[in-house]
N, C-alpha and C. Protein backbone atom coordinates (compact mmCIF):
# COMPACT_ATOMS: atom_id res chain seq x y z
N MET A 1 -8.69 3.55 -27.80
CA MET A 1 -7.67 3.44 -26.92
C MET A 1 -7.61 4.74 -26.32
N SER A 2 -7.12 4.76 -24.78
CA SER A 2 -7.32 5.73 -24.02
C SER A 2 -6.21 6.58 -24.06
N GLY A 3 -4.84 6.20 -24.80
CA GLY A 3 -3.82 6.65 -24.86
C GLY A 3 -2.84 6.12 -23.25
N ILE A 4 -3.27 5.95 -22.63
CA ILE A 4 -2.74 5.42 -21.42
C ILE A 4 -1.58 4.39 -21.82
N ASP A 5 -0.31 4.26 -21.46
CA ASP A 5 0.48 3.03 -21.56
C ASP A 5 1.18 2.99 -20.23
N THR A 6 1.06 3.44 -19.11
CA THR A 6 1.45 2.89 -17.92
C THR A 6 0.24 2.91 -16.68
N VAL A 7 0.90 1.65 -16.18
CA VAL A 7 -0.51 1.83 -14.76
C VAL A 7 0.53 1.72 -13.59
N VAL A 8 0.17 2.65 -12.39
CA VAL A 8 0.57 2.76 -11.17
C VAL A 8 -0.33 2.03 -10.11
N PHE A 9 0.33 1.28 -9.52
CA PHE A 9 -0.04 0.19 -8.38
C PHE A 9 0.02 1.11 -6.84
N ASP A 10 -0.84 1.20 -5.88
CA ASP A 10 -0.99 1.05 -4.52
C ASP A 10 -0.97 -0.09 -4.24
N LEU A 11 0.07 -0.74 -3.33
CA LEU A 11 -0.06 -1.87 -2.90
C LEU A 11 -0.68 -2.65 -2.11
N GLY A 12 -0.89 -1.72 -0.54
CA GLY A 12 -1.84 -2.46 0.22
C GLY A 12 -3.12 -2.31 0.10
N ASN A 13 -4.12 -3.11 0.43
CA ASN A 13 -5.39 -3.10 0.26
C ASN A 13 -5.60 -2.83 -1.51
N VAL A 14 -4.90 -3.32 -2.22
CA VAL A 14 -5.43 -3.22 -3.86
C VAL A 14 -4.20 -4.43 -4.27
N LEU A 15 -3.13 -4.47 -4.28
CA LEU A 15 -2.73 -5.89 -4.53
C LEU A 15 -2.61 -7.02 -3.08
N PHE A 16 -2.48 -6.49 -1.91
CA PHE A 16 -2.66 -7.57 -1.18
C PHE A 16 -3.44 -7.08 0.26
N GLU A 17 -4.47 -7.71 0.89
CA GLU A 17 -5.21 -6.93 1.78
C GLU A 17 -4.08 -7.08 3.30
N TRP A 18 -4.46 -5.83 3.82
CA TRP A 18 -3.97 -5.50 4.95
C TRP A 18 -4.48 -4.62 6.19
N ASP A 19 -4.90 -5.49 7.18
CA ASP A 19 -5.67 -5.10 8.58
C ASP A 19 -5.14 -5.32 9.54
N PRO A 20 -4.53 -4.46 10.39
CA PRO A 20 -4.07 -4.98 11.88
C PRO A 20 -5.06 -5.91 12.81
N ARG A 21 -6.50 -5.79 12.40
CA ARG A 21 -7.31 -6.54 12.97
C ARG A 21 -7.14 -8.24 12.96
N HIS A 22 -6.72 -8.19 11.61
CA HIS A 22 -6.09 -10.08 11.35
C HIS A 22 -5.46 -10.34 12.25
N LEU A 23 -4.38 -9.57 12.97
CA LEU A 23 -3.16 -9.98 14.07
C LEU A 23 -3.95 -9.93 15.24
N TYR A 24 -4.70 -9.10 15.72
CA TYR A 24 -5.03 -8.76 17.18
C TYR A 24 -6.83 -9.08 17.38
N ARG A 25 -7.17 -9.70 16.47
CA ARG A 25 -8.09 -10.56 16.81
C ARG A 25 -7.59 -12.10 17.30
N GLN A 26 -6.28 -12.16 17.09
CA GLN A 26 -5.86 -13.54 17.55
C GLN A 26 -5.64 -13.73 18.91
N VAL A 27 -5.56 -12.54 19.70
CA VAL A 27 -4.50 -12.16 20.78
C VAL A 27 -5.85 -11.43 21.62
N PHE A 28 -6.74 -10.89 21.20
CA PHE A 28 -8.07 -10.43 22.09
C PHE A 28 -9.05 -11.27 22.41
N ALA A 29 -9.77 -11.38 23.09
CA ALA A 29 -10.86 -12.42 23.21
C ALA A 29 -12.00 -11.58 22.93
N ASP A 30 -12.26 -10.16 23.30
CA ASP A 30 -13.01 -9.03 23.20
C ASP A 30 -12.80 -7.91 22.24
N GLU A 31 -14.02 -8.39 21.17
CA GLU A 31 -13.75 -7.44 19.76
C GLU A 31 -13.64 -5.52 20.73
N VAL A 32 -14.36 -5.66 21.69
CA VAL A 32 -14.21 -3.93 22.10
C VAL A 32 -12.80 -3.65 22.48
N GLU A 33 -12.61 -4.83 23.21
CA GLU A 33 -11.04 -4.26 23.70
C GLU A 33 -10.16 -4.07 22.70
N MET A 34 -9.93 -5.09 21.70
CA MET A 34 -9.65 -4.86 20.44
C MET A 34 -9.21 -3.73 19.77
N GLU A 35 -10.71 -3.13 19.37
CA GLU A 35 -10.73 -1.96 19.11
C GLU A 35 -10.40 -0.71 20.05
N HIS A 36 -10.39 -0.69 21.35
CA HIS A 36 -10.02 0.38 22.08
C HIS A 36 -8.66 0.15 22.04
N PHE A 37 -7.99 -0.63 21.80
CA PHE A 37 -6.19 -0.93 21.62
C PHE A 37 -6.04 -0.30 20.44
N LEU A 38 -6.54 -0.55 18.96
CA LEU A 38 -6.32 0.04 17.87
C LEU A 38 -6.46 1.34 17.84
N ALA A 39 -7.51 2.11 18.64
CA ALA A 39 -7.82 3.22 18.71
C ALA A 39 -6.97 4.41 19.05
N HIS A 40 -6.46 3.68 20.45
CA HIS A 40 -5.69 4.61 21.37
C HIS A 40 -4.40 3.86 21.86
N VAL A 41 -4.20 3.08 21.46
CA VAL A 41 -2.65 2.49 21.92
C VAL A 41 -1.86 2.16 20.10
N CYS A 42 -1.79 1.13 19.62
CA CYS A 42 -1.10 1.27 18.49
C CYS A 42 -2.26 1.39 16.97
N THR A 43 -2.35 3.20 16.98
CA THR A 43 -3.38 3.58 16.33
C THR A 43 -2.54 3.50 14.61
N LEU A 44 -3.26 4.05 13.96
CA LEU A 44 -2.64 4.12 12.70
C LEU A 44 -1.79 5.56 12.29
N ASP A 45 -2.51 6.35 13.11
CA ASP A 45 -1.30 7.78 13.26
C ASP A 45 0.23 7.25 13.79
N TRP A 46 0.12 6.22 14.73
CA TRP A 46 1.51 5.95 15.28
C TRP A 46 2.56 4.73 14.12
N HIS A 47 1.39 4.36 13.39
CA HIS A 47 2.10 3.30 12.62
C HIS A 47 2.34 4.09 11.42
N LEU A 48 1.99 5.08 11.04
CA LEU A 48 2.60 6.48 9.88
C LEU A 48 3.85 6.90 9.79
N ALA A 49 4.64 6.58 11.60
CA ALA A 49 5.91 7.00 11.23
C ALA A 49 6.55 6.00 10.68
N HIS A 50 6.27 4.87 10.84
CA HIS A 50 7.01 3.66 10.04
C HIS A 50 6.97 3.96 8.53
N ASP A 51 5.88 4.45 7.85
CA ASP A 51 5.81 4.66 6.74
C ASP A 51 7.19 5.95 6.28
N TYR A 52 7.02 6.28 7.23
CA TYR A 52 8.00 7.54 7.03
C TYR A 52 9.66 7.11 7.33
N GLY A 53 9.75 5.89 7.78
CA GLY A 53 11.05 5.37 7.83
C GLY A 53 11.62 5.67 8.94
N VAL A 54 10.71 5.76 10.01
CA VAL A 54 10.77 5.57 11.57
C VAL A 54 11.19 4.09 11.69
N SER A 55 12.03 3.51 12.21
CA SER A 55 12.30 2.17 12.68
C SER A 55 11.21 1.94 13.56
N PHE A 56 10.75 0.51 13.63
CA PHE A 56 9.51 0.12 14.30
C PHE A 56 10.41 -0.09 15.96
N GLU A 57 11.83 -0.07 16.08
CA GLU A 57 12.01 -0.47 17.52
C GLU A 57 12.46 0.97 18.35
N GLU A 58 12.58 2.06 17.83
CA GLU A 58 12.31 3.33 17.65
C GLU A 58 11.00 3.91 18.40
N ASN A 59 10.25 3.52 17.48
CA ASN A 59 8.63 4.17 17.49
C ASN A 59 8.21 3.39 18.41
N ALA A 60 8.31 1.78 18.54
CA ALA A 60 7.53 0.91 19.82
C ALA A 60 8.47 1.67 21.16
N ALA A 61 9.62 1.83 21.18
CA ALA A 61 10.00 2.07 22.71
C ALA A 61 8.92 3.53 23.02
N LYS A 62 9.11 4.55 22.33
CA LYS A 62 8.26 5.59 22.65
C LYS A 62 7.12 5.12 23.22
N LEU A 63 6.33 4.24 22.45
CA LEU A 63 4.81 3.82 22.67
C LEU A 63 4.77 2.88 24.06
N LYS A 64 5.81 1.94 24.06
CA LYS A 64 5.66 0.98 25.69
C LYS A 64 6.19 2.15 26.74
N GLY A 65 6.93 3.10 26.36
CA GLY A 65 6.91 4.15 27.50
C GLY A 65 5.86 4.92 27.97
N ARG A 66 4.52 4.83 27.41
CA ARG A 66 3.40 5.59 27.51
C ARG A 66 2.26 4.46 27.68
N HIS A 67 2.50 3.23 27.68
CA HIS A 67 1.69 1.85 27.64
C HIS A 67 2.49 1.00 28.10
N PRO A 68 3.22 0.56 29.13
CA PRO A 68 4.39 -0.34 29.63
C PRO A 68 3.30 -1.65 30.19
N ASP A 69 2.15 -1.24 29.94
CA ASP A 69 1.45 -2.87 30.51
C ASP A 69 0.86 -3.59 29.39
N ARG A 70 1.08 -2.58 27.86
CA ARG A 70 0.92 -3.04 26.82
C ARG A 70 1.82 -3.64 25.74
N ALA A 71 3.25 -3.88 26.34
CA ALA A 71 4.36 -3.91 25.54
C ALA A 71 4.71 -5.00 24.81
N ASP A 72 4.07 -6.02 25.31
CA ASP A 72 3.77 -7.29 24.58
C ASP A 72 3.01 -7.34 23.30
N LEU A 73 2.03 -6.62 23.56
CA LEU A 73 0.91 -6.45 22.18
C LEU A 73 1.75 -5.32 21.32
N ILE A 74 2.28 -4.22 22.08
CA ILE A 74 3.06 -3.66 20.92
C ILE A 74 4.05 -4.00 20.00
N ASP A 75 4.63 -4.74 20.98
CA ASP A 75 5.87 -5.56 19.95
C ASP A 75 5.40 -6.56 19.09
N MET A 76 4.34 -7.20 19.31
CA MET A 76 3.44 -7.73 17.93
C MET A 76 3.39 -7.40 16.96
N TRP A 77 3.39 -5.85 16.57
CA TRP A 77 2.72 -5.13 15.31
C TRP A 77 4.33 -5.22 14.53
N ARG A 78 5.45 -5.59 15.16
CA ARG A 78 6.58 -5.90 14.33
C ARG A 78 6.47 -7.06 13.83
N ALA A 79 6.87 -8.10 15.28
CA ALA A 79 6.96 -9.17 15.24
C ALA A 79 5.99 -10.36 14.40
N ARG A 80 4.93 -9.82 14.66
CA ARG A 80 3.86 -10.53 13.49
C ARG A 80 3.12 -9.96 12.26
N PHE A 81 4.01 -8.77 12.03
CA PHE A 81 3.32 -8.14 10.70
C PHE A 81 2.43 -8.74 9.69
N HIS A 82 3.13 -9.92 9.41
CA HIS A 82 2.58 -10.32 8.53
C HIS A 82 1.24 -11.20 8.86
N ASP A 83 0.90 -11.29 9.99
CA ASP A 83 -0.48 -11.81 10.45
C ASP A 83 -1.59 -11.24 9.95
N MET A 84 -1.37 -9.41 9.75
CA MET A 84 -1.97 -8.50 9.45
C MET A 84 -2.55 -8.61 8.18
N ILE A 85 -1.52 -9.89 7.01
CA ILE A 85 -1.65 -9.66 5.83
C ILE A 85 -2.16 -11.06 5.40
N PRO A 86 -3.45 -11.20 5.17
CA PRO A 86 -3.99 -12.76 5.10
C PRO A 86 -3.72 -12.96 3.60
N GLY A 87 -2.96 -12.15 2.72
CA GLY A 87 -3.19 -12.58 1.09
C GLY A 87 -3.24 -11.65 0.61
N ARG A 88 -3.09 -12.40 -0.78
CA ARG A 88 -3.86 -11.06 -2.20
C ARG A 88 -5.38 -10.65 -1.81
N MET A 89 -5.26 -9.72 -2.79
CA MET A 89 -6.65 -9.10 -2.88
C MET A 89 -7.05 -10.18 -3.98
N PRO A 90 -8.57 -10.90 -4.08
CA PRO A 90 -8.64 -11.14 -4.61
C PRO A 90 -9.04 -10.65 -6.26
N GLY A 91 -8.42 -11.64 -7.19
CA GLY A 91 -8.24 -11.35 -8.94
C GLY A 91 -7.37 -10.32 -9.08
N MET A 92 -6.44 -9.73 -8.23
CA MET A 92 -5.54 -8.71 -8.65
C MET A 92 -4.32 -9.42 -9.48
N GLU A 93 -3.94 -10.56 -8.24
CA GLU A 93 -2.51 -11.08 -9.25
C GLU A 93 -2.94 -11.14 -11.07
N PRO A 94 -3.77 -12.25 -11.21
CA PRO A 94 -3.85 -12.13 -13.02
C PRO A 94 -4.23 -11.06 -13.53
N LEU A 95 -4.87 -9.93 -12.93
CA LEU A 95 -4.85 -8.74 -13.50
C LEU A 95 -3.65 -8.13 -13.93
N VAL A 96 -2.79 -7.82 -12.95
CA VAL A 96 -1.52 -7.47 -12.99
C VAL A 96 -0.68 -8.48 -14.22
N GLN A 97 -1.08 -9.83 -14.01
CA GLN A 97 0.00 -10.42 -15.34
C GLN A 97 -0.53 -9.92 -16.62
N THR A 98 -2.08 -9.56 -16.68
CA THR A 98 -2.41 -9.81 -17.91
C THR A 98 -1.81 -8.18 -18.36
N LEU A 99 -2.05 -7.43 -17.34
CA LEU A 99 -0.80 -6.00 -18.35
C LEU A 99 -0.11 -6.01 -18.57
N LYS A 100 0.91 -6.51 -17.77
CA LYS A 100 1.94 -6.89 -18.01
C LYS A 100 2.60 -7.56 -19.65
N ALA A 101 1.59 -8.52 -19.63
CA ALA A 101 1.84 -9.18 -21.10
C ALA A 101 1.16 -8.57 -22.14
N SER A 102 0.45 -7.37 -21.88
CA SER A 102 0.13 -6.35 -23.06
C SER A 102 1.11 -5.65 -23.22
N GLY A 103 2.00 -5.59 -22.40
CA GLY A 103 2.83 -4.21 -22.40
C GLY A 103 2.70 -3.23 -22.24
N VAL A 104 1.59 -3.24 -20.99
CA VAL A 104 1.61 -1.81 -19.96
C VAL A 104 2.95 -1.88 -19.30
N ARG A 105 3.37 -0.48 -19.03
CA ARG A 105 4.54 -0.20 -18.08
C ARG A 105 3.59 0.19 -16.68
N LEU A 106 3.98 -1.01 -15.93
CA LEU A 106 3.98 -0.90 -14.27
C LEU A 106 5.04 -0.82 -13.57
N TYR A 107 4.27 0.33 -12.22
CA TYR A 107 4.92 0.67 -11.24
C TYR A 107 4.11 0.39 -10.02
N GLY A 108 4.81 0.69 -9.23
CA GLY A 108 4.31 0.81 -7.65
C GLY A 108 4.48 2.02 -6.72
N LEU A 109 3.34 2.62 -6.18
CA LEU A 109 3.90 4.07 -5.35
C LEU A 109 2.93 3.64 -4.11
N THR A 110 3.84 3.17 -2.68
CA THR A 110 3.15 2.71 -1.56
C THR A 110 3.87 3.46 -0.42
N ASN A 111 2.68 3.53 0.71
CA ASN A 111 3.50 3.60 2.13
C ASN A 111 3.60 2.47 2.62
N MET A 112 4.82 2.43 3.25
CA MET A 112 5.35 1.05 3.55
C MET A 112 6.74 1.03 3.91
N PRO A 113 6.55 0.54 5.27
CA PRO A 113 8.39 0.43 5.67
C PRO A 113 8.99 -0.26 5.40
N SER A 114 9.99 0.21 4.69
CA SER A 114 11.38 -0.24 4.12
C SER A 114 11.50 -2.00 4.32
N PRO A 115 11.66 -2.61 5.68
CA PRO A 115 11.53 -3.67 5.67
C PRO A 115 10.54 -4.68 5.14
N ILE A 116 9.41 -4.00 5.34
CA ILE A 116 8.13 -4.96 5.26
C ILE A 116 8.27 -4.99 4.22
N PHE A 117 8.55 -3.87 2.67
CA PHE A 117 8.13 -4.15 1.58
C PHE A 117 9.55 -5.21 0.98
N ALA A 118 10.77 -5.46 1.52
CA ALA A 118 11.51 -6.39 1.03
C ALA A 118 10.92 -7.98 1.73
N GLU A 119 10.35 -7.66 2.79
CA GLU A 119 9.82 -9.04 2.83
C GLU A 119 8.53 -9.81 1.93
N LEU A 120 7.45 -8.70 1.39
CA LEU A 120 6.66 -9.12 1.00
C LEU A 120 7.12 -9.16 -0.60
N ARG A 121 8.24 -8.71 -1.31
CA ARG A 121 8.20 -9.16 -2.35
C ARG A 121 8.78 -10.47 -2.90
N VAL A 122 9.11 -11.05 -1.22
CA VAL A 122 9.59 -12.47 -1.45
C VAL A 122 8.15 -13.48 -1.18
N ARG A 123 7.18 -12.81 -0.23
CA ARG A 123 5.88 -13.62 -0.45
C ARG A 123 5.16 -13.47 -1.84
N PHE A 124 4.97 -12.48 -2.63
CA PHE A 124 4.70 -12.22 -3.50
C PHE A 124 5.47 -11.81 -4.61
N PRO A 125 5.44 -12.95 -5.25
CA PRO A 125 6.91 -12.59 -6.29
C PRO A 125 5.83 -11.28 -7.71
N GLU A 126 4.94 -11.48 -7.76
CA GLU A 126 4.42 -10.74 -8.74
C GLU A 126 4.78 -9.12 -8.59
N PHE A 127 5.01 -8.70 -7.47
CA PHE A 127 5.72 -7.31 -6.97
C PHE A 127 6.58 -7.04 -8.13
N ASP A 128 7.47 -8.02 -8.67
CA ASP A 128 8.80 -8.05 -9.36
C ASP A 128 7.79 -7.98 -10.83
N LEU A 129 7.01 -7.64 -11.00
CA LEU A 129 6.51 -7.46 -12.53
C LEU A 129 6.63 -6.02 -12.51
N LEU A 130 6.60 -5.24 -11.50
CA LEU A 130 6.31 -3.57 -11.25
C LEU A 130 7.92 -3.16 -11.80
N GLU A 131 8.06 -2.55 -12.63
CA GLU A 131 9.35 -2.20 -12.98
C GLU A 131 10.03 -1.26 -11.77
N GLU A 132 9.15 -0.33 -11.22
CA GLU A 132 10.28 0.07 -10.44
C GLU A 132 9.17 0.62 -9.20
N THR A 133 9.17 0.52 -7.92
CA THR A 133 8.43 0.61 -7.20
C THR A 133 8.88 1.87 -5.95
N VAL A 134 8.34 2.93 -5.36
CA VAL A 134 8.58 3.61 -5.07
C VAL A 134 8.22 3.48 -3.40
N VAL A 135 8.75 3.24 -2.62
CA VAL A 135 8.31 2.98 -1.16
C VAL A 135 8.68 4.20 -0.51
N SER A 136 7.78 4.53 0.87
CA SER A 136 7.72 5.78 1.36
C SER A 136 8.89 5.86 2.21
N GLY A 137 8.80 4.58 3.07
CA GLY A 137 10.02 4.09 4.09
C GLY A 137 11.34 4.33 3.42
N ASP A 138 11.71 4.31 2.24
CA ASP A 138 12.66 4.80 1.89
C ASP A 138 13.36 6.26 1.35
N GLU A 139 11.97 6.93 1.14
CA GLU A 139 11.81 8.28 0.81
C GLU A 139 11.66 9.25 1.62
N GLY A 140 11.06 8.95 2.82
CA GLY A 140 10.74 9.81 3.94
C GLY A 140 9.90 10.48 3.63
N VAL A 141 8.90 10.22 2.85
CA VAL A 141 7.46 11.05 2.45
C VAL A 141 7.08 10.08 2.04
N VAL A 142 5.38 10.83 2.05
CA VAL A 142 4.26 9.48 1.77
C VAL A 142 3.06 10.25 1.19
N LYS A 143 2.43 9.25 0.18
CA LYS A 143 1.10 9.84 -0.08
C LYS A 143 0.27 10.58 1.16
N PRO A 144 -0.56 11.18 0.63
CA PRO A 144 -0.70 12.13 -0.66
C PRO A 144 0.61 13.15 -1.03
N ASP A 145 0.99 13.26 -0.02
CA ASP A 145 2.41 14.31 -0.50
C ASP A 145 2.58 14.13 -1.94
N PRO A 146 2.25 15.31 -2.53
CA PRO A 146 2.69 15.70 -4.20
C PRO A 146 4.59 14.78 -4.33
N ARG A 147 5.21 15.08 -3.53
CA ARG A 147 6.45 15.13 -3.37
C ARG A 147 7.03 13.35 -4.03
N ILE A 148 6.31 12.48 -3.44
CA ILE A 148 6.68 11.33 -3.66
C ILE A 148 5.56 10.81 -4.72
N PHE A 149 4.50 11.54 -5.42
CA PHE A 149 4.64 11.45 -6.94
C PHE A 149 5.55 11.61 -7.60
N GLU A 150 6.25 13.07 -7.49
CA GLU A 150 7.22 13.76 -8.15
C GLU A 150 8.49 12.71 -8.40
N ILE A 151 8.83 12.09 -7.29
CA ILE A 151 9.78 11.05 -7.15
C ILE A 151 9.63 9.83 -8.07
N LEU A 152 8.57 9.22 -8.05
CA LEU A 152 8.17 8.29 -9.14
C LEU A 152 8.09 8.95 -10.78
N ILE A 153 8.28 10.27 -10.65
CA ILE A 153 7.90 10.60 -12.17
C ILE A 153 9.57 10.93 -12.86
N GLU A 154 10.37 11.28 -11.70
CA GLU A 154 11.56 11.36 -12.14
C GLU A 154 12.49 10.52 -12.32
N ARG A 155 12.21 9.18 -11.33
CA ARG A 155 12.54 7.92 -11.45
C ARG A 155 12.36 6.97 -12.75
N THR A 156 11.10 7.52 -13.09
CA THR A 156 10.94 6.31 -14.45
C THR A 156 10.37 7.02 -15.49
N GLY A 157 10.29 8.44 -15.56
CA GLY A 157 10.34 9.23 -16.75
C GLY A 157 8.68 9.12 -17.12
N LEU A 158 7.67 8.87 -16.24
CA LEU A 158 6.41 8.58 -17.07
C LEU A 158 5.76 9.63 -17.20
N VAL A 159 4.36 9.88 -17.80
CA VAL A 159 3.79 11.07 -18.41
C VAL A 159 2.67 11.12 -17.52
N PRO A 160 2.52 11.80 -16.52
CA PRO A 160 0.86 11.39 -15.62
C PRO A 160 -0.02 11.43 -16.57
N GLU A 161 -0.08 12.75 -17.85
CA GLU A 161 -1.40 12.56 -18.59
C GLU A 161 -1.17 11.23 -19.24
N ARG A 162 -0.50 10.09 -19.12
CA ARG A 162 -0.37 8.91 -20.31
C ARG A 162 -0.67 7.54 -18.60
N ALA A 163 -0.97 7.83 -17.70
CA ALA A 163 -0.44 7.10 -16.65
C ALA A 163 -1.79 6.55 -15.84
N LEU A 164 -2.32 5.54 -15.31
CA LEU A 164 -3.43 5.55 -14.85
C LEU A 164 -2.77 5.37 -13.25
N PHE A 165 -3.08 5.98 -11.98
CA PHE A 165 -2.96 5.35 -10.75
C PHE A 165 -3.85 4.74 -10.03
N ILE A 166 -3.95 4.02 -9.25
CA ILE A 166 -5.04 2.94 -8.93
C ILE A 166 -4.66 3.04 -7.35
N ASP A 167 -5.32 3.54 -6.74
CA ASP A 167 -5.38 3.32 -4.82
C ASP A 167 -6.80 3.45 -4.14
N ASP A 168 -6.73 2.36 -3.24
CA ASP A 168 -8.04 2.73 -2.49
C ASP A 168 -8.36 3.96 -1.32
N SER A 169 -7.10 4.68 -1.31
CA SER A 169 -7.62 5.98 -0.85
C SER A 169 -7.97 7.16 -1.77
N ARG A 170 -9.02 7.53 -1.19
CA ARG A 170 -9.63 8.49 -2.08
C ARG A 170 -8.82 10.22 -1.64
N ARG A 171 -8.30 10.42 -0.64
CA ARG A 171 -6.97 10.98 -0.63
C ARG A 171 -6.14 11.15 -1.41
N ASN A 172 -5.57 9.93 -1.76
CA ASN A 172 -4.69 9.36 -2.57
C ASN A 172 -4.60 9.88 -4.29
N VAL A 173 -5.75 9.17 -4.37
CA VAL A 173 -6.39 9.51 -5.78
C VAL A 173 -6.62 10.91 -6.23
N ASP A 174 -6.87 11.69 -5.39
CA ASP A 174 -7.28 12.99 -5.54
C ASP A 174 -6.28 13.86 -5.57
N ALA A 175 -4.85 13.53 -4.76
CA ALA A 175 -3.44 13.96 -4.88
C ALA A 175 -3.09 13.67 -6.39
N ALA A 176 -3.19 12.40 -7.07
CA ALA A 176 -2.61 11.97 -8.47
C ALA A 176 -3.52 12.82 -9.39
N ALA A 177 -4.70 13.07 -9.30
CA ALA A 177 -5.29 13.67 -9.96
C ALA A 177 -5.11 15.29 -10.13
N LYS A 178 -4.73 15.90 -9.24
CA LYS A 178 -4.27 16.94 -9.29
C LYS A 178 -2.79 17.40 -10.28
N LEU A 179 -2.07 15.94 -10.18
CA LEU A 179 -0.66 16.11 -10.80
C LEU A 179 -0.72 15.66 -12.35
N GLY A 180 -2.27 15.60 -12.34
CA GLY A 180 -2.35 15.18 -14.06
C GLY A 180 -2.49 13.71 -14.22
N PHE A 181 -2.76 13.07 -13.73
CA PHE A 181 -2.81 11.07 -13.48
C PHE A 181 -4.48 11.03 -13.98
N HIS A 182 -4.46 10.20 -14.77
CA HIS A 182 -5.57 9.37 -14.62
C HIS A 182 -5.80 8.15 -13.40
N THR A 183 -7.26 8.40 -13.02
CA THR A 183 -7.18 7.47 -11.58
C THR A 183 -8.25 6.56 -11.53
N HIS A 184 -8.09 5.66 -10.55
CA HIS A 184 -9.15 4.66 -10.36
C HIS A 184 -9.29 4.71 -8.65
N HIS A 185 -10.31 5.09 -8.02
CA HIS A 185 -10.46 4.70 -6.34
C HIS A 185 -10.74 3.29 -6.49
N PHE A 186 -9.72 2.58 -6.17
CA PHE A 186 -9.85 0.80 -5.87
C PHE A 186 -10.66 0.73 -4.89
N GLU A 187 -11.74 -0.56 -5.35
CA GLU A 187 -13.08 -1.48 -4.23
C GLU A 187 -12.46 -2.60 -4.64
N SER A 188 -12.38 -3.41 -5.76
CA SER A 188 -12.17 -4.49 -6.39
C SER A 188 -11.66 -4.68 -7.60
N ALA A 189 -11.41 -5.98 -7.46
CA ALA A 189 -10.65 -6.44 -8.93
C ALA A 189 -11.36 -6.16 -10.06
N GLY A 190 -12.90 -6.75 -9.63
CA GLY A 190 -13.56 -6.40 -10.62
C GLY A 190 -14.20 -5.33 -11.48
N GLY A 191 -14.44 -4.08 -10.30
CA GLY A 191 -14.66 -2.97 -10.26
C GLY A 191 -13.13 -2.08 -11.59
N LEU A 192 -11.84 -2.94 -10.80
CA LEU A 192 -10.74 -2.32 -11.71
C LEU A 192 -10.89 -3.06 -13.07
N GLN A 193 -10.97 -4.01 -13.55
CA GLN A 193 -10.89 -4.84 -14.50
C GLN A 193 -12.10 -3.86 -15.52
N ALA A 194 -13.11 -3.68 -14.97
CA ALA A 194 -14.54 -3.27 -15.84
C ALA A 194 -13.71 -1.95 -16.14
N ASP A 195 -13.05 -1.08 -15.26
CA ASP A 195 -12.68 0.19 -15.67
C ASP A 195 -11.49 0.05 -16.69
N LEU A 196 -10.76 -0.97 -16.18
CA LEU A 196 -9.38 -0.82 -17.22
C LEU A 196 -9.88 -1.55 -18.98
N ALA A 197 -11.08 -2.11 -19.16
CA ALA A 197 -11.39 -2.65 -20.32
C ALA A 197 -12.12 -1.29 -21.02
N ALA A 198 -12.77 -0.59 -20.38
CA ALA A 198 -13.68 0.40 -20.57
C ALA A 198 -12.21 1.64 -21.50
N ARG A 199 -10.86 1.69 -20.48
CA ARG A 199 -10.03 2.53 -21.16
C ARG A 199 -9.29 1.59 -22.06
N GLY A 200 -9.73 0.41 -22.92
CA GLY A 200 -8.59 -0.48 -23.64
C GLY A 200 -7.50 -1.07 -23.67
N LEU A 201 -7.29 -0.96 -22.22
CA LEU A 201 -5.93 -1.60 -21.61
C LEU A 201 -5.77 -3.27 -21.18
N VAL A 202 -7.26 -3.74 -21.13
CA VAL A 202 -7.55 -5.23 -20.77
C VAL A 202 -9.09 -5.64 -22.17
N GLY A 203 -8.59 -6.83 -22.41
CA GLY A 203 -9.87 -7.05 -23.11
C GLY A 203 -10.97 -7.29 -22.28
């Protein structure tokens, strides 16, 4: 056995798929034009403010001031946010259920706007299998800042040396490793299951 008794999940692109292209491919006829919009208007850097807790309304108002001709497309980011999320990452829901049934403590640590998390808890009931989820939008700090990991540790009492942190971002995985966590850089449920089996956490 590995001595690991706790698993901490990132949520986006680990438990569910998220990509703004799923939405904007529905409204742009031209892929190149869509990519230009995502690279220069509704960028991931712009969206990061939502993860810090800035309201969509405030963040969008500034952006629409710079791109008034794109106002409708900017408003879609919030109005149709769920169109960016086609569903669960394949194979992950049963894996979470297996870990829960085996007695492993499960937590979440996510960069996400607070209202989106509340909506996704309804859409994906398996989130309730996580005893505690620290949401960046509630805390005003985002991964890979060590502070958000410390908030999780303080709130749950987990021991990093006995916890496995799973994230699709290499930067976040590296930050967790520096704090003593075991880590898994997520690419697929199959790869994660093999790692969990090697650590003795699943059969």
